[in-house]
Amino acid sequence: MSPTEFVLLRTFGYRHEAEFVKSVLDSAAIDSVLVADDAGGAEAGLTFSNPARLMVRRQDIEAAAEVVREIGFGVDRD
């Protein structure tokens, strides 16, 4: 069995936005992973040069994109 492949859904300049969108995806039963290099929130300014990335399983990308659009966020794939 091959490992699940995660793909980029959207990047965020603010970690809290990414966490909000992740929680919405979680409630829609769509698995996602938040990748953020901001020193655990201690260095929030790092996200300006290295934005938080929200990743979803490749097979869930269309469903996730629809959910994200419904709550008023675009996706990087548009």
Protein backbone atom coordinates (compact mmCIF):
# COMPACT_ATOMS: atom_id res chain seq x y z
CA MET A 1 0.00 0.00 0.00
CA SER A 2 1.37 3.44 -0.88
CA PRO A 3 1.41 6.25 1.69
CA THR A 4 -1.28 8.90 1.51
CA GLU A 5 -0.15 11.87 -0.51
CA PHE A 6 -0.92 15.31 0.88
CA VAL A 7 -1.14 18.31 -1.44
CA LEU A 8 -1.32 22.04 -0.83
CA LEU A 9 -4.81 23.45 -0.44
CA ARG A 10 -3.94 27.01 0.60
CA THR A 11 -1.29 29.18 2.24
CA PHE A 12 -2.01 31.67 5.02
CA GLY A 13 -0.15 34.73 6.24
CA TYR A 14 -1.70 34.25 9.67
CA ARG A 15 -1.59 30.96 11.54
CA HIS A 16 -4.91 31.61 13.29
CA GLU A 17 -6.69 31.74 9.92
CA ALA A 18 -5.14 28.41 8.95
CA GLU A 19 -6.21 26.89 12.28
CA PHE A 20 -9.75 28.15 11.76
CA VAL A 21 -9.98 26.65 8.27
CA LYS A 22 -8.46 23.40 9.54
CA SER A 23 -11.15 23.20 12.22
CA VAL A 24 -13.86 23.67 9.59
CA LEU A 25 -12.33 20.88 7.48
CA ASP A 26 -12.12 18.67 10.59
CA SER A 27 -15.83 19.22 11.24
CA ALA A 28 -16.52 18.22 7.61
CA ALA A 29 -14.54 14.98 8.22
CA ILE A 30 -11.78 16.03 5.82
CA ASP A 31 -8.30 15.21 7.10
CA SER A 32 -5.80 18.04 6.88
CA VAL A 33 -2.34 18.92 8.11
CA LEU A 34 -1.17 22.40 9.09
CA VAL A 35 2.50 23.05 8.33
CA ALA A 36 3.74 26.26 9.95
CA ASP A 37 7.22 27.44 10.85
CA ASP A 38 6.54 30.18 13.38
CA ALA A 39 8.40 28.83 16.42
CA GLY A 40 5.19 27.43 17.86
CA GLY A 41 3.48 30.81 17.58
CA ALA A 42 6.26 32.68 19.39
CA GLU A 43 7.55 34.25 16.16
CA ALA A 44 4.38 35.08 14.26
CA GLY A 45 6.33 37.31 11.86
CA LEU A 46 7.99 34.26 10.32
CA THR A 47 4.79 33.44 8.46
CA PHE A 48 5.27 36.49 6.24
CA SER A 49 8.36 34.93 4.68
CA ASN A 50 7.26 31.33 5.19
CA PRO A 51 3.43 31.20 5.19
CA ALA A 52 1.46 28.52 7.00
CA ARG A 53 0.43 25.78 4.58
CA LEU A 54 -2.76 23.75 4.87
CA MET A 55 -2.42 20.35 3.24
CA VAL A 56 -5.13 17.78 2.45
CA ARG A 57 -5.13 14.28 1.02
CA ARG A 58 -4.99 14.34 -2.78
CA GLN A 59 -8.30 12.45 -3.02
CA ASP A 60 -10.01 15.09 -0.82
CA ILE A 61 -8.75 18.21 -2.63
CA GLU A 62 -11.99 19.01 -4.49
CA ALA A 63 -14.23 18.51 -1.45
CA ALA A 64 -11.85 20.56 0.72
CA ALA A 65 -11.71 23.36 -1.86
CA GLU A 66 -15.50 23.52 -1.93
CA VAL A 67 -15.72 23.74 1.87
CA VAL A 68 -13.06 26.47 1.97
CA ARG A 69 -14.82 28.51 -0.71
CA GLU A 70 -18.14 28.18 1.13
CA ILE A 71 -16.66 29.89 4.21
CA GLY A 72 -15.21 32.75 2.14
CA PHE A 73 -11.59 31.71 1.65
CA GLY A 74 -10.12 31.07 -1.77
CA VAL A 75 -7.72 28.25 -2.52
CA ASP A 76 -4.23 28.46 -4.01
CA ARG A 77 -5.28 26.15 -6.82
CA ASP A 78 -7.72 28.71 -8.37
